[in-house]
Amino acid sequence: MKVFVTGVAGQLGHDVVNEVCRRGYTAVGSDIAEEYAGVQDGSAVTQCQYAALDITDKNAVSALLAEIAPDVVVHCAAWTAVDLAEDDDKVEKVRAINAGGTQNIADACKALDCKMVYISTDYVFDGQGQTPWQPDCKDYKPLNVYGQTKLEGELAVANTLDKYFIVRIAWVFGRNGKNFIKTMLNVGKNHDTVRVVCDQIGTPTYTYDLSRLLVDMIETDKYGYYHATNEGGYISWYDFACEIFRQAGYDTKVNPVTTAEYGLSKAARPFNSRLDKTKLAAAGFEPLPDWRDALCRYLKVL
């Protein structure tokens, strides 16, 4: 099986290509840069070919995928800077990447009759209430530009293809790029206390664990919408911060504050990021490990 992975320079894409290689399949990674150096600590992607690609260029996408002829495309590339996406001069670019770029990938997959995995987000919902969101829920009410454009990407895939997996995730952390854990550790080194919101509820997702699930999925034809975060129950960002400092051995005090007390960010954030994952087990897929275990493993490789 040959797997083409977009966004290989991001948190998830890197882990996906490595998992593909571990299974003995052929992986081809892509991103916008001409060259890819691997994880920020200098380690390279083992046995992974690389091809530079601007997913907003429809002709380039079509030509490259036709040349590679993958059996599966795992589409991890996206604009993920949530607050920056709200800037008037960025909205068009965000939409070109998250919606237009995804449509380009979906069109190429249709021409090749190959499977596609689209990584989406809890931000496609309005984040209200306390009931966990179901994978097949169509009550979409995105709160911000990022969520709206990711929803448009979902619809591009679902309206173009039959052989697709749309996988929504939340609170992502991995070795590449920025994430909440790295931010907390940096703050904890220099401050005795930190304020963290306590009224936004969800569950973290470790990209290393998620990559295993995604490759499990592409080995099947159990297509459709799925939710995938680590197990261990629903928590607040405050709870997450407390556990990060506990496991890291920091004495940093975490003060819980509401979103209103913390101060409004440029983009509205969902209060309810609870994603129901029971469909995974029902389809025969192994759930991700407990988020506390994932955090422990992650801290050892930072």
C-alpha atoms as a PDB file:
ATOM      1  CA  MET A   1       0.000   0.000   0.000  1.00  0.00           C
ATOM      2  CA  LYS A   2       1.269   3.466  -0.910  1.00  0.00           C
ATOM      3  CA  VAL A   3       0.157   6.325   1.353  1.00  0.00           C
ATOM      4  CA  PHE A   4       0.474  10.025   0.517  1.00  0.00           C
ATOM      5  CA  VAL A   5       0.472  12.303   3.583  1.00  0.00           C
ATOM      6  CA  THR A   6      -0.010  16.071   3.403  1.00  0.00           C
ATOM      7  CA  GLY A   7       1.192  18.404   6.139  1.00  0.00           C
ATOM      8  CA  VAL A   8       4.137  16.190   7.060  1.00  0.00           C
ATOM      9  CA  ALA A   9       5.903  19.115   8.760  1.00  0.00           C
ATOM     10  CA  GLY A  10       3.058  19.410  11.269  1.00  0.00           C
ATOM     11  CA  GLN A  11       2.379  17.610  14.536  1.00  0.00           C
ATOM     12  CA  LEU A  12       0.308  14.799  13.042  1.00  0.00           C
ATOM     13  CA  GLY A  13       1.710  14.352   9.538  1.00  0.00           C
ATOM     14  CA  HIS A  14       5.162  13.383  10.794  1.00  0.00           C
ATOM     15  CA  ASP A  15       3.778  10.684  13.070  1.00  0.00           C
ATOM     16  CA  VAL A  16       1.530   9.319  10.329  1.00  0.00           C
ATOM     17  CA  VAL A  17       4.353   8.765   7.835  1.00  0.00           C
ATOM     18  CA  ASN A  18       6.441   7.071  10.502  1.00  0.00           C
ATOM     19  CA  GLU A  19       3.551   4.767  11.429  1.00  0.00           C
ATOM     20  CA  VAL A  20       2.991   3.957   7.754  1.00  0.00           C
ATOM     21  CA  CYS A  21       6.660   3.016   7.443  1.00  0.00           C
ATOM     22  CA  ARG A  22       6.549   0.939  10.635  1.00  0.00           C
ATOM     23  CA  ARG A  23       3.765  -1.141   9.075  1.00  0.00           C
ATOM     24  CA  GLY A  24       5.931  -1.855   6.040  1.00  0.00           C
ATOM     25  CA  TYR A  25       3.976   0.352   3.638  1.00  0.00           C
ATOM     26  CA  THR A  26       5.331   3.044   1.325  1.00  0.00           C
ATOM     27  CA  ALA A  27       4.938   6.607   2.581  1.00  0.00           C
ATOM     28  CA  VAL A  28       5.282   9.822   0.603  1.00  0.00           C
ATOM     29  CA  GLY A  29       5.125  13.012   2.651  1.00  0.00           C
ATOM     30  CA  SER A  30       4.411  16.518   1.413  1.00  0.00           C
ATOM     31  CA  ASP A  31       4.298  20.085   2.682  1.00  0.00           C
ATOM     32  CA  ILE A  32       4.732  23.604   1.340  1.00  0.00           C
ATOM     33  CA  ALA A  33       8.507  23.796   1.949  1.00  0.00           C
ATOM     34  CA  GLU A  34      10.915  22.677  -0.760  1.00  0.00           C
ATOM     35  CA  GLU A  35      12.730  20.432   1.714  1.00  0.00           C
ATOM     36  CA  TYR A  36      11.728  18.786   4.973  1.00  0.00           C
ATOM     37  CA  ALA A  37      14.219  18.343   7.796  1.00  0.00           C
ATOM     38  CA  GLY A  38      12.122  16.187  10.099  1.00  0.00           C
ATOM     39  CA  VAL A  39      11.178  16.738  13.719  1.00  0.00           C
ATOM     40  CA  GLN A  40      12.602  19.885  15.292  1.00  0.00           C
ATOM     41  CA  ASP A  41      15.182  17.936  17.280  1.00  0.00           C
ATOM     42  CA  GLY A  42      16.839  17.012  13.979  1.00  0.00           C
ATOM     43  CA  SER A  43      15.664  13.432  13.550  1.00  0.00           C
ATOM     44  CA  ALA A  44      14.482  12.647  10.041  1.00  0.00           C
ATOM     45  CA  VAL A  45      11.482  10.768   8.736  1.00  0.00           C
ATOM     46  CA  THR A  46      12.759   7.235   8.148  1.00  0.00           C
ATOM     47  CA  GLN A  47      12.296   5.794   4.662  1.00  0.00           C
ATOM     48  CA  CYS A  48       9.874   8.533   3.665  1.00  0.00           C
ATOM     49  CA  GLN A  49       9.948  10.184   0.274  1.00  0.00           C
ATOM     50  CA  TYR A  50       9.130  13.886   0.226  1.00  0.00           C
ATOM     51  CA  ALA A  51       7.494  16.107  -2.374  1.00  0.00           C
ATOM     52  CA  ALA A  52       6.883  19.835  -1.976  1.00  0.00           C
ATOM     53  CA  LEU A  53       3.261  20.745  -2.690  1.00  0.00           C
ATOM     54  CA  ASP A  54       1.017  23.789  -2.456  1.00  0.00           C
ATOM     55  CA  ILE A  55      -2.404  22.219  -1.940  1.00  0.00           C
ATOM     56  CA  THR A  56      -4.120  25.411  -3.135  1.00  0.00           C
ATOM     57  CA  ASP A  57      -2.674  24.820  -6.619  1.00  0.00           C
ATOM     58  CA  LYS A  58      -5.250  22.501  -8.196  1.00  0.00           C
ATOM     59  CA  ASN A  59      -3.104  21.594 -11.213  1.00  0.00           C
ATOM     60  CA  ALA A  60      -0.067  20.846  -9.044  1.00  0.00           C
ATOM     61  CA  VAL A  61      -2.139  18.629  -6.744  1.00  0.00           C
ATOM     62  CA  SER A  62      -3.639  16.718  -9.669  1.00  0.00           C
ATOM     63  CA  ALA A  63      -0.279  16.238 -11.384  1.00  0.00           C
ATOM     64  CA  LEU A  64       1.625  15.131  -8.269  1.00  0.00           C
ATOM     65  CA  LEU A  65      -0.995  12.652  -7.103  1.00  0.00           C
ATOM     66  CA  ALA A  66      -1.323  11.237 -10.615  1.00  0.00           C
ATOM     67  CA  GLU A  67       2.455  10.730 -10.653  1.00  0.00           C
ATOM     68  CA  ILE A  68       2.591   9.127  -7.193  1.00  0.00           C
ATOM     69  CA  ALA A  69      -0.641   7.121  -7.654  1.00  0.00           C
ATOM     70  CA  PRO A  70      -1.276   6.486  -3.944  1.00  0.00           C
ATOM     71  CA  ASP A  71      -3.768   3.973  -2.603  1.00  0.00           C
ATOM     72  CA  VAL A  72      -4.624   6.358   0.243  1.00  0.00           C
ATOM     73  CA  VAL A  73      -4.223  10.069   0.926  1.00  0.00           C
ATOM     74  CA  VAL A  74      -4.100  11.178   4.578  1.00  0.00           C
ATOM     75  CA  HIS A  75      -4.794  14.910   4.476  1.00  0.00           C
ATOM     76  CA  CYS A  76      -3.240  16.523   7.569  1.00  0.00           C
ATOM     77  CA  ALA A  77      -2.302  19.882   6.016  1.00  0.00           C
ATOM     78  CA  ALA A  78      -4.380  22.812   7.259  1.00  0.00           C
ATOM     79  CA  TRP A  79      -4.318  26.386   8.483  1.00  0.00           C
ATOM     80  CA  THR A  80      -4.500  25.902  12.264  1.00  0.00           C
ATOM     81  CA  ALA A  81      -3.647  29.372  13.645  1.00  0.00           C
ATOM     82  CA  VAL A  82      -7.145  29.937  15.034  1.00  0.00           C
ATOM     83  CA  ASP A  83      -6.833  33.564  16.161  1.00  0.00           C
ATOM     84  CA  LEU A  84      -4.821  34.702  13.147  1.00  0.00           C
ATOM     85  CA  ALA A  85      -7.516  33.251  10.885  1.00  0.00           C
ATOM     86  CA  GLU A  86      -9.886  35.978  12.121  1.00  0.00           C
ATOM     87  CA  ASP A  87      -7.825  38.768  10.528  1.00  0.00           C
ATOM     88  CA  ASP A  88      -9.615  40.258   7.544  1.00  0.00           C
ATOM     89  CA  ASP A  89      -6.531  39.934   5.358  1.00  0.00           C
ATOM     90  CA  LYS A  90      -6.131  36.225   6.250  1.00  0.00           C
ATOM     91  CA  VAL A  91      -9.658  34.868   5.781  1.00  0.00           C
ATOM     92  CA  GLU A  92      -9.295  34.324   2.034  1.00  0.00           C
ATOM     93  CA  LYS A  93      -6.009  32.472   2.510  1.00  0.00           C
ATOM     94  CA  VAL A  94      -7.411  30.314   5.326  1.00  0.00           C
ATOM     95  CA  ARG A  95     -10.371  29.343   3.135  1.00  0.00           C
ATOM     96  CA  ALA A  96      -8.083  28.632   0.168  1.00  0.00           C
ATOM     97  CA  ILE A  97      -6.108  26.158   2.300  1.00  0.00           C
ATOM     98  CA  ASN A  98      -8.751  24.510   4.484  1.00  0.00           C
ATOM     99  CA  ALA A  99     -11.609  24.417   1.974  1.00  0.00           C
ATOM    100  CA  GLY A 100     -10.127  24.914  -1.485  1.00  0.00           C
ATOM    101  CA  GLY A 101      -7.016  22.837  -0.825  1.00  0.00           C
ATOM    102  CA  THR A 102      -9.114  20.021   0.583  1.00  0.00           C
ATOM    103  CA  GLN A 103     -11.381  20.129  -2.479  1.00  0.00           C
ATOM    104  CA  ASN A 104      -8.296  19.844  -4.682  1.00  0.00           C
ATOM    105  CA  ILE A 105      -7.117  16.783  -2.765  1.00  0.00           C
ATOM    106  CA  ALA A 106     -10.597  15.222  -2.882  1.00  0.00           C
ATOM    107  CA  ASP A 107     -10.871  15.795  -6.647  1.00  0.00           C
ATOM    108  CA  ALA A 108      -7.501  14.127  -7.191  1.00  0.00           C
ATOM    109  CA  CYS A 109      -8.535  11.179  -5.007  1.00  0.00           C
ATOM    110  CA  LYS A 110     -11.717  10.794  -7.027  1.00  0.00           C
ATOM    111  CA  ALA A 111      -9.754  10.733 -10.285  1.00  0.00           C
ATOM    112  CA  LEU A 112      -7.504   8.015  -8.860  1.00  0.00           C
ATOM    113  CA  ASP A 113     -10.333   6.164  -7.066  1.00  0.00           C
ATOM    114  CA  CYS A 114      -8.253   6.079  -3.879  1.00  0.00           C
ATOM    115  CA  LYS A 115      -9.192   6.386  -0.205  1.00  0.00           C
ATOM    116  CA  MET A 116      -8.941   9.692   1.608  1.00  0.00           C
ATOM    117  CA  VAL A 117      -8.608  10.572   5.300  1.00  0.00           C
ATOM    118  CA  TYR A 118      -9.525  14.136   6.255  1.00  0.00           C
ATOM    119  CA  ILE A 119      -8.493  15.403   9.681  1.00  0.00           C
ATOM    120  CA  SER A 120     -11.138  17.719  11.099  1.00  0.00           C
ATOM    121  CA  THR A 121     -11.973  19.318  14.432  1.00  0.00           C
ATOM    122  CA  ASP A 122     -14.532  19.800  17.180  1.00  0.00           C
ATOM    123  CA  TYR A 123     -14.625  23.455  16.043  1.00  0.00           C
ATOM    124  CA  VAL A 124     -17.177  22.538  13.349  1.00  0.00           C
ATOM    125  CA  PHE A 125     -19.742  22.553  16.194  1.00  0.00           C
ATOM    126  CA  ASP A 126     -20.856  25.526  18.293  1.00  0.00           C
ATOM    127  CA  GLY A 127     -19.386  24.140  21.521  1.00  0.00           C
ATOM    128  CA  GLN A 128     -22.527  24.711  23.579  1.00  0.00           C
ATOM    129  CA  GLY A 129     -24.179  22.430  26.138  1.00  0.00           C
ATOM    130  CA  GLN A 130     -22.602  19.457  27.903  1.00  0.00           C
ATOM    131  CA  THR A 131     -23.659  16.542  25.707  1.00  0.00           C
ATOM    132  CA  PRO A 132     -20.798  14.881  23.793  1.00  0.00           C
ATOM    133  CA  TRP A 133     -20.942  15.502  20.051  1.00  0.00           C
ATOM    134  CA  GLN A 134     -21.760  12.447  17.945  1.00  0.00           C
ATOM    135  CA  PRO A 135     -19.647  11.722  14.821  1.00  0.00           C
ATOM    136  CA  ASP A 136     -22.673  11.727  12.512  1.00  0.00           C
ATOM    137  CA  CYS A 137     -24.222  14.890  14.003  1.00  0.00           C
ATOM    138  CA  LYS A 138     -24.919  17.452  11.285  1.00  0.00           C
ATOM    139  CA  ASP A 139     -25.824  20.325  13.603  1.00  0.00           C
ATOM    140  CA  TYR A 140     -22.929  22.460  12.434  1.00  0.00           C
ATOM    141  CA  LYS A 141     -22.579  25.971  13.843  1.00  0.00           C
ATOM    142  CA  PRO A 142     -18.889  26.953  13.768  1.00  0.00           C
ATOM    143  CA  LEU A 143     -17.924  29.830  16.038  1.00  0.00           C
ATOM    144  CA  ASN A 144     -14.978  31.119  14.043  1.00  0.00           C
ATOM    145  CA  VAL A 145     -13.271  31.228  10.634  1.00  0.00           C
ATOM    146  CA  TYR A 146     -11.100  28.215  11.376  1.00  0.00           C
ATOM    147  CA  GLY A 147     -14.103  26.063  12.289  1.00  0.00           C
ATOM    148  CA  GLN A 148     -16.127  27.281   9.308  1.00  0.00           C
ATOM    149  CA  THR A 149     -13.370  26.549   6.804  1.00  0.00           C
ATOM    150  CA  LYS A 150     -12.666  23.127   8.311  1.00  0.00           C
ATOM    151  CA  LEU A 151     -16.374  22.362   7.967  1.00  0.00           C
ATOM    152  CA  GLU A 152     -16.218  23.434   4.332  1.00  0.00           C
ATOM    153  CA  GLY A 153     -13.342  20.969   3.955  1.00  0.00           C
ATOM    154  CA  GLU A 154     -15.470  18.204   5.479  1.00  0.00           C
ATOM    155  CA  LEU A 155     -18.282  18.917   3.047  1.00  0.00           C
ATOM    156  CA  ALA A 156     -15.863  18.975   0.106  1.00  0.00           C
ATOM    157  CA  VAL A 157     -14.728  15.456   0.983  1.00  0.00           C
ATOM    158  CA  ALA A 158     -18.170  14.031   1.750  1.00  0.00           C
ATOM    159  CA  ASN A 159     -19.748  15.543  -1.370  1.00  0.00           C
ATOM    160  CA  THR A 160     -16.949  14.389  -3.679  1.00  0.00           C
ATOM    161  CA  LEU A 161     -15.978  10.912  -2.488  1.00  0.00           C
ATOM    162  CA  ASP A 162     -17.456   7.634  -1.321  1.00  0.00           C
ATOM    163  CA  LYS A 163     -14.256   6.162   0.109  1.00  0.00           C
ATOM    164  CA  TYR A 164     -13.415   8.598   2.880  1.00  0.00           C
ATOM    165  CA  PHE A 165     -12.742   8.820   6.602  1.00  0.00           C
ATOM    166  CA  ILE A 166     -13.489  12.167   8.267  1.00  0.00           C
ATOM    167  CA  VAL A 167     -11.817  12.092  11.681  1.00  0.00           C
ATOM    168  CA  ARG A 168     -12.452  14.907  14.151  1.00  0.00           C
ATOM    169  CA  ILE A 169      -9.886  15.481  16.868  1.00  0.00           C
ATOM    170  CA  ALA A 170      -9.299  18.051  19.639  1.00  0.00           C
ATOM    171  CA  TRP A 171      -6.589  19.483  21.904  1.00  0.00           C
ATOM    172  CA  VAL A 172      -3.762  18.057  19.795  1.00  0.00           C
ATOM    173  CA  PHE A 173      -0.187  17.585  20.964  1.00  0.00           C
ATOM    174  CA  GLY A 174       2.827  16.092  19.186  1.00  0.00           C
ATOM    175  CA  ARG A 175       6.570  16.578  18.787  1.00  0.00           C
ATOM    176  CA  ASN A 176       6.406  19.088  15.924  1.00  0.00           C
ATOM    177  CA  GLY A 177       5.244  22.663  16.321  1.00  0.00           C
ATOM    178  CA  LYS A 178       3.534  24.402  19.224  1.00  0.00           C
ATOM    179  CA  ASN A 179       0.992  22.956  21.638  1.00  0.00           C
ATOM    180  CA  PHE A 180      -0.497  23.497  25.079  1.00  0.00           C
ATOM    181  CA  ILE A 181       1.938  21.179  26.863  1.00  0.00           C
ATOM    182  CA  LYS A 182       5.001  22.976  25.508  1.00  0.00           C
ATOM    183  CA  THR A 183       3.463  26.319  26.412  1.00  0.00           C
ATOM    184  CA  MET A 184       2.742  25.219  29.984  1.00  0.00           C
ATOM    185  CA  LEU A 185       6.243  23.828  30.466  1.00  0.00           C
ATOM    186  CA  ASN A 186       7.815  27.050  29.198  1.00  0.00           C
ATOM    187  CA  VAL A 187       5.597  29.161  31.455  1.00  0.00           C
ATOM    188  CA  GLY A 188       6.252  26.875  34.421  1.00  0.00           C
ATOM    189  CA  LYS A 189      10.004  27.333  34.108  1.00  0.00           C
ATOM    190  CA  ASN A 190       9.735  31.060  34.609  1.00  0.00           C
ATOM    191  CA  HIS A 191       6.601  31.648  36.689  1.00  0.00           C
ATOM    192  CA  ASP A 192       5.344  30.444  40.067  1.00  0.00           C
ATOM    193  CA  THR A 193       1.704  30.646  39.028  1.00  0.00           C
ATOM    194  CA  VAL A 194      -0.301  30.393  35.814  1.00  0.00           C
ATOM    195  CA  ARG A 195      -3.947  31.154  35.003  1.00  0.00           C
ATOM    196  CA  VAL A 196      -5.758  28.499  32.957  1.00  0.00           C
ATOM    197  CA  VAL A 197      -9.394  28.364  31.871  1.00  0.00           C
ATOM    198  CA  CYS A 198     -11.582  25.855  33.667  1.00  0.00           C
ATOM    199  CA  ASP A 199     -14.863  26.090  31.724  1.00  0.00           C
ATOM    200  CA  GLN A 200     -13.745  24.676  28.363  1.00  0.00           C
ATOM    201  CA  ILE A 201     -14.125  20.889  28.455  1.00  0.00           C
ATOM    202  CA  GLY A 202     -12.682  18.204  26.179  1.00  0.00           C
ATOM    203  CA  THR A 203      -9.990  15.535  25.908  1.00  0.00           C
ATOM    204  CA  PRO A 204      -6.409  15.745  24.579  1.00  0.00           C
ATOM    205  CA  THR A 205      -5.201  13.898  21.466  1.00  0.00           C
ATOM    206  CA  TYR A 206      -1.615  12.611  21.185  1.00  0.00           C
ATOM    207  CA  THR A 207      -0.594  12.489  17.527  1.00  0.00           C
ATOM    208  CA  TYR A 208       1.567   9.393  18.069  1.00  0.00           C
ATOM    209  CA  ASP A 209      -1.478   7.449  19.270  1.00  0.00           C
ATOM    210  CA  LEU A 210      -3.766   8.952  16.643  1.00  0.00           C
ATOM    211  CA  SER A 211      -1.413   7.960  13.822  1.00  0.00           C
ATOM    212  CA  ARG A 212      -1.751   4.317  14.838  1.00  0.00           C
ATOM    213  CA  LEU A 213      -5.524   4.555  14.664  1.00  0.00           C
ATOM    214  CA  LEU A 214      -5.468   6.292  11.285  1.00  0.00           C
ATOM    215  CA  VAL A 215      -3.336   3.558   9.742  1.00  0.00           C
ATOM    216  CA  ASP A 216      -5.661   0.974  11.322  1.00  0.00           C
ATOM    217  CA  MET A 217      -8.499   2.745   9.535  1.00  0.00           C
ATOM    218  CA  ILE A 218      -6.933   2.872   6.091  1.00  0.00           C
ATOM    219  CA  GLU A 219      -6.340  -0.864   6.261  1.00  0.00           C
ATOM    220  CA  THR A 220     -10.146  -1.213   6.157  1.00  0.00           C
ATOM    221  CA  ASP A 221     -13.124   0.014   4.159  1.00  0.00           C
ATOM    222  CA  LYS A 222     -15.107   1.125   7.227  1.00  0.00           C
ATOM    223  CA  TYR A 223     -15.660   4.603   5.844  1.00  0.00           C
ATOM    224  CA  GLY A 224     -17.492   7.498   7.445  1.00  0.00           C
ATOM    225  CA  TYR A 225     -17.265  10.101  10.207  1.00  0.00           C
ATOM    226  CA  TYR A 226     -15.343   9.320  13.404  1.00  0.00           C
ATOM    227  CA  HIS A 227     -14.236  11.106  16.560  1.00  0.00           C
ATOM    228  CA  ALA A 228     -10.806  10.258  17.956  1.00  0.00           C
ATOM    229  CA  THR A 229      -9.173  11.642  21.090  1.00  0.00           C
ATOM    230  CA  ASN A 230      -7.379   9.830  23.876  1.00  0.00           C
ATOM    231  CA  GLU A 231      -9.476   8.033  26.484  1.00  0.00           C
ATOM    232  CA  GLY A 232      -9.606   8.953  30.176  1.00  0.00           C
ATOM    233  CA  GLY A 233     -12.705  11.095  30.392  1.00  0.00           C
ATOM    234  CA  TYR A 234     -13.494  14.749  29.776  1.00  0.00           C
ATOM    235  CA  ILE A 235     -11.378  17.394  31.470  1.00  0.00           C
ATOM    236  CA  SER A 236     -10.801  21.149  31.459  1.00  0.00           C
ATOM    237  CA  TRP A 237      -7.665  22.935  30.298  1.00  0.00           C
ATOM    238  CA  TYR A 238      -7.108  23.646  34.011  1.00  0.00           C
ATOM    239  CA  ASP A 239      -7.182  19.910  34.794  1.00  0.00           C
ATOM    240  CA  PHE A 240      -4.775  19.278  31.927  1.00  0.00           C
ATOM    241  CA  ALA A 241      -2.334  21.930  33.148  1.00  0.00           C
ATOM    242  CA  CYS A 242      -2.361  20.527  36.686  1.00  0.00           C
ATOM    243  CA  GLU A 243      -1.500  17.048  35.414  1.00  0.00           C
ATOM    244  CA  ILE A 244       1.227  18.392  33.115  1.00  0.00           C
ATOM    245  CA  PHE A 245       2.982  20.094  36.023  1.00  0.00           C
ATOM    246  CA  ARG A 246       2.472  17.089  38.304  1.00  0.00           C
ATOM    247  CA  GLN A 247       4.031  14.664  35.848  1.00  0.00           C
ATOM    248  CA  ALA A 248       6.823  17.093  34.924  1.00  0.00           C
ATOM    249  CA  GLY A 249       7.672  17.615  38.594  1.00  0.00           C
ATOM    250  CA  TYR A 250       6.975  21.358  38.575  1.00  0.00           C
ATOM    251  CA  ASP A 251       5.734  23.240  41.649  1.00  0.00           C
ATOM    252  CA  THR A 252       3.893  25.785  39.507  1.00  0.00           C
ATOM    253  CA  LYS A 253       0.510  26.739  40.979  1.00  0.00           C
ATOM    254  CA  VAL A 254      -2.409  26.675  38.542  1.00  0.00           C
ATOM    255  CA  ASN A 255      -5.214  29.154  39.183  1.00  0.00           C
ATOM    256  CA  PRO A 256      -8.541  28.245  37.520  1.00  0.00           C
ATOM    257  CA  VAL A 257     -10.348  31.074  35.723  1.00  0.00           C
ATOM    258  CA  THR A 258     -13.392  31.262  33.481  1.00  0.00           C
ATOM    259  CA  THR A 259     -13.043  32.132  29.828  1.00  0.00           C
ATOM    260  CA  ALA A 260     -14.586  35.516  30.594  1.00  0.00           C
ATOM    261  CA  GLU A 261     -12.099  36.146  33.409  1.00  0.00           C
ATOM    262  CA  TYR A 262      -9.163  35.066  31.246  1.00  0.00           C
ATOM    263  CA  GLY A 263     -10.065  37.582  28.560  1.00  0.00           C
ATOM    264  CA  LEU A 264     -11.570  37.192  25.141  1.00  0.00           C
ATOM    265  CA  SER A 265      -9.343  35.871  22.379  1.00  0.00           C
ATOM    266  CA  LYS A 266      -9.756  37.060  18.819  1.00  0.00           C
ATOM    267  CA  ALA A 267     -11.537  33.823  17.885  1.00  0.00           C
ATOM    268  CA  ALA A 268     -14.385  32.440  19.983  1.00  0.00           C
ATOM    269  CA  ARG A 269     -13.534  29.094  21.612  1.00  0.00           C
ATOM    270  CA  PRO A 270     -16.002  26.225  22.216  1.00  0.00           C
ATOM    271  CA  PHE A 271     -16.932  25.475  25.814  1.00  0.00           C
ATOM    272  CA  ASN A 272     -18.040  21.942  24.962  1.00  0.00           C
ATOM    273  CA  SER A 273     -15.377  19.987  23.066  1.00  0.00           C
ATOM    274  CA  ARG A 274     -16.627  16.622  24.301  1.00  0.00           C
ATOM    275  CA  LEU A 275     -16.403  14.183  21.387  1.00  0.00           C
ATOM    276  CA  ASP A 276     -18.232  10.850  21.615  1.00  0.00           C
ATOM    277  CA  LYS A 277     -15.867   8.095  20.465  1.00  0.00           C
ATOM    278  CA  THR A 278     -18.019   4.985  20.906  1.00  0.00           C
ATOM    279  CA  LYS A 279     -18.310   4.585  17.130  1.00  0.00           C
ATOM    280  CA  LEU A 280     -14.631   3.590  17.036  1.00  0.00           C
ATOM    281  CA  ALA A 281     -15.145   0.460  19.154  1.00  0.00           C
ATOM    282  CA  ALA A 282     -18.409  -0.304  17.367  1.00  0.00           C
ATOM    283  CA  ALA A 283     -16.480  -0.371  14.089  1.00  0.00           C
ATOM    284  CA  GLY A 284     -13.821  -2.646  15.567  1.00  0.00           C
ATOM    285  CA  PHE A 285     -11.091  -0.030  16.026  1.00  0.00           C
ATOM    286  CA  GLU A 286      -8.921   0.069  19.149  1.00  0.00           C
ATOM    287  CA  PRO A 287      -9.479   3.279  21.132  1.00  0.00           C
ATOM    288  CA  LEU A 288      -6.549   5.525  21.979  1.00  0.00           C
ATOM    289  CA  PRO A 289      -4.886   5.059  25.409  1.00  0.00           C
ATOM    290  CA  ASP A 290      -5.713   7.177  28.467  1.00  0.00           C
ATOM    291  CA  TRP A 291      -4.561  10.784  28.014  1.00  0.00           C
ATOM    292  CA  ARG A 292      -2.547  10.625  31.259  1.00  0.00           C
ATOM    293  CA  ASP A 293      -0.553   7.714  29.875  1.00  0.00           C
ATOM    294  CA  ALA A 294      -0.143   9.589  26.595  1.00  0.00           C
ATOM    295  CA  LEU A 295       1.149  12.638  28.471  1.00  0.00           C
ATOM    296  CA  CYS A 296       3.654  10.504  30.383  1.00  0.00           C
ATOM    297  CA  ARG A 297       5.019   9.002  27.167  1.00  0.00           C
ATOM    298  CA  TYR A 298       5.100  12.396  25.458  1.00  0.00           C
ATOM    299  CA  LEU A 299       7.096  14.074  28.235  1.00  0.00           C
ATOM    300  CA  LYS A 300       9.768  11.388  27.849  1.00  0.00           C
ATOM    301  CA  VAL A 301      10.386  12.227  24.182  1.00  0.00           C
ATOM    302  CA  LEU A 302      10.366  16.024  24.433  1.00  0.00           C
END
